[in-house]
Amino acid sequence: MAEVPTFGEERLAILNLERGSPLVLLGSAAAIWELIDGTRTETDILKELTSVYLGANAHAMAEQVRNFLSELSAHGLAEGSDNPIGDPPR
């Protein structure tokens, strides 16, 4: 897996080297990626985001986090569950 951050912007490009499928993460997607550290659950990530994005609709945010984790899983970049999420391949 290769990760290319863009400094000064909320943008990050990641690439699963085995699959060769790049994924560009913007804004909150990049923020979620940074929270996937092998110790946080999906619930932990959601709590962290709701503390940062005050006033956001918690239900909508939970759905977006779940959908994003599913997308990462489809790209072979993470596994989503309410158990600690494994380290993203680096």
C-alpha atoms as a PDB file:
ATOM      1  CA  MET A   1       0.000   0.000   0.000  1.00  0.00           C
ATOM      2  CA  ALA A   2       1.265   3.447  -0.841  1.00  0.00           C
ATOM      3  CA  GLU A   3       0.034   6.649   0.796  1.00  0.00           C
ATOM      4  CA  VAL A   4       0.683  10.110  -0.628  1.00  0.00           C
ATOM      5  CA  PRO A   5      -0.419  13.038   1.554  1.00  0.00           C
ATOM      6  CA  THR A   6      -0.903  16.510   0.126  1.00  0.00           C
ATOM      7  CA  PHE A   7       0.410  18.944   2.709  1.00  0.00           C
ATOM      8  CA  GLY A   8      -1.658  22.040   3.389  1.00  0.00           C
ATOM      9  CA  GLU A   9      -4.798  20.404   1.998  1.00  0.00           C
ATOM     10  CA  GLU A  10      -7.220  17.842   3.346  1.00  0.00           C
ATOM     11  CA  ARG A  11      -6.407  15.397   0.569  1.00  0.00           C
ATOM     12  CA  LEU A  12      -4.685  12.038   0.553  1.00  0.00           C
ATOM     13  CA  ALA A  13      -4.093   9.489  -2.219  1.00  0.00           C
ATOM     14  CA  ILE A  14      -3.784   5.823  -1.284  1.00  0.00           C
ATOM     15  CA  LEU A  15      -3.011   2.884  -3.503  1.00  0.00           C
ATOM     16  CA  ASN A  16      -3.381  -0.818  -2.878  1.00  0.00           C
ATOM     17  CA  LEU A  17      -0.241  -2.023  -4.658  1.00  0.00           C
ATOM     18  CA  GLU A  18      -1.644  -5.535  -5.068  1.00  0.00           C
ATOM     19  CA  ARG A  19      -4.826  -4.328  -6.763  1.00  0.00           C
ATOM     20  CA  GLY A  20      -3.442  -1.191  -8.407  1.00  0.00           C
ATOM     21  CA  SER A  21      -6.562   0.809  -7.670  1.00  0.00           C
ATOM     22  CA  PRO A  22      -5.844   4.359  -6.434  1.00  0.00           C
ATOM     23  CA  LEU A  23      -8.260   6.142  -4.153  1.00  0.00           C
ATOM     24  CA  VAL A  24      -8.164   9.899  -3.464  1.00  0.00           C
ATOM     25  CA  LEU A  25      -9.541  10.869  -0.068  1.00  0.00           C
ATOM     26  CA  LEU A  26     -10.828  14.395   0.504  1.00  0.00           C
ATOM     27  CA  GLY A  27     -11.914  16.226   3.656  1.00  0.00           C
ATOM     28  CA  SER A  28     -13.682  13.967   6.131  1.00  0.00           C
ATOM     29  CA  ALA A  29     -12.639  10.829   4.208  1.00  0.00           C
ATOM     30  CA  ALA A  30      -8.991  11.729   4.812  1.00  0.00           C
ATOM     31  CA  ALA A  31      -9.828  12.455   8.460  1.00  0.00           C
ATOM     32  CA  ILE A  32     -11.430   9.015   8.838  1.00  0.00           C
ATOM     33  CA  TRP A  33      -8.405   7.348   7.200  1.00  0.00           C
ATOM     34  CA  GLU A  34      -6.100   9.046   9.699  1.00  0.00           C
ATOM     35  CA  LEU A  35      -8.211   7.659  12.573  1.00  0.00           C
ATOM     36  CA  ILE A  36      -7.858   4.037  11.418  1.00  0.00           C
ATOM     37  CA  ASP A  37      -4.973   2.963  13.625  1.00  0.00           C
ATOM     38  CA  GLY A  38      -5.789  -0.566  14.729  1.00  0.00           C
ATOM     39  CA  THR A  39      -7.121   0.466  18.123  1.00  0.00           C
ATOM     40  CA  ARG A  40     -10.296   2.390  17.259  1.00  0.00           C
ATOM     41  CA  THR A  41     -13.612   0.770  16.471  1.00  0.00           C
ATOM     42  CA  GLU A  42     -16.131   2.213  14.029  1.00  0.00           C
ATOM     43  CA  THR A  43     -17.939   3.634  17.078  1.00  0.00           C
ATOM     44  CA  ASP A  44     -14.717   5.238  18.349  1.00  0.00           C
ATOM     45  CA  ILE A  45     -14.108   6.839  14.964  1.00  0.00           C
ATOM     46  CA  LEU A  46     -17.638   8.213  14.914  1.00  0.00           C
ATOM     47  CA  LYS A  47     -17.242   9.687  18.423  1.00  0.00           C
ATOM     48  CA  GLU A  48     -13.978  11.323  17.393  1.00  0.00           C
ATOM     49  CA  LEU A  49     -15.542  12.839  14.271  1.00  0.00           C
ATOM     50  CA  THR A  50     -18.628  14.149  16.064  1.00  0.00           C
ATOM     51  CA  SER A  51     -16.345  15.924  18.534  1.00  0.00           C
ATOM     52  CA  VAL A  52     -14.529  17.606  15.626  1.00  0.00           C
ATOM     53  CA  TYR A  53     -17.510  18.311  13.355  1.00  0.00           C
ATOM     54  CA  LEU A  54     -19.794  19.910  15.921  1.00  0.00           C
ATOM     55  CA  GLY A  55     -23.401  20.321  14.845  1.00  0.00           C
ATOM     56  CA  ALA A  56     -23.203  17.567  12.233  1.00  0.00           C
ATOM     57  CA  ASN A  57     -26.117  15.150  12.020  1.00  0.00           C
ATOM     58  CA  ALA A  58     -24.874  12.135  14.006  1.00  0.00           C
ATOM     59  CA  HIS A  59     -27.138   9.650  12.186  1.00  0.00           C
ATOM     60  CA  ALA A  60     -26.039  10.861   8.744  1.00  0.00           C
ATOM     61  CA  MET A  61     -22.403  10.880   9.850  1.00  0.00           C
ATOM     62  CA  ALA A  62     -22.680   7.295  11.137  1.00  0.00           C
ATOM     63  CA  GLU A  63     -24.059   6.208   7.769  1.00  0.00           C
ATOM     64  CA  GLN A  64     -21.273   8.037   5.922  1.00  0.00           C
ATOM     65  CA  VAL A  65     -18.584   6.438   8.113  1.00  0.00           C
ATOM     66  CA  ARG A  66     -20.106   2.992   7.590  1.00  0.00           C
ATOM     67  CA  ASN A  67     -20.307   3.530   3.813  1.00  0.00           C
ATOM     68  CA  PHE A  68     -16.749   4.848   3.661  1.00  0.00           C
ATOM     69  CA  LEU A  69     -15.385   1.885   5.617  1.00  0.00           C
ATOM     70  CA  SER A  70     -17.225  -0.418   3.210  1.00  0.00           C
ATOM     71  CA  GLU A  71     -15.591   1.388   0.289  1.00  0.00           C
ATOM     72  CA  LEU A  72     -12.154   0.997   1.891  1.00  0.00           C
ATOM     73  CA  SER A  73     -12.877  -2.690   2.380  1.00  0.00           C
ATOM     74  CA  ALA A  74     -13.893  -3.038  -1.280  1.00  0.00           C
ATOM     75  CA  HIS A  75     -10.523  -1.533  -2.259  1.00  0.00           C
ATOM     76  CA  GLY A  76      -8.719  -3.930   0.105  1.00  0.00           C
ATOM     77  CA  LEU A  77      -7.561  -1.047   2.311  1.00  0.00           C
ATOM     78  CA  ALA A  78      -9.356  -1.724   5.617  1.00  0.00           C
ATOM     79  CA  GLU A  79     -11.822  -4.021   7.300  1.00  0.00           C
ATOM     80  CA  GLY A  80     -14.898  -2.513   8.904  1.00  0.00           C
ATOM     81  CA  SER A  81     -16.510  -3.838  12.065  1.00  0.00           C
ATOM     82  CA  ASP A  82     -17.183  -2.633  15.565  1.00  0.00           C
ATOM     83  CA  ASN A  83     -14.058  -4.477  16.666  1.00  0.00           C
ATOM     84  CA  PRO A  84     -10.814  -2.536  16.437  1.00  0.00           C
ATOM     85  CA  ILE A  85     -10.064  -1.834  12.801  1.00  0.00           C
ATOM     86  CA  GLY A  86      -6.792  -3.311  11.637  1.00  0.00           C
ATOM     87  CA  ASP A  87      -3.954  -1.029  10.683  1.00  0.00           C
ATOM     88  CA  PRO A  88      -4.371   0.186   7.132  1.00  0.00           C
ATOM     89  CA  PRO A  89      -1.803  -1.475   4.938  1.00  0.00           C
ATOM     90  CA  ARG A  90       1.164   0.887   4.651  1.00  0.00           C
END
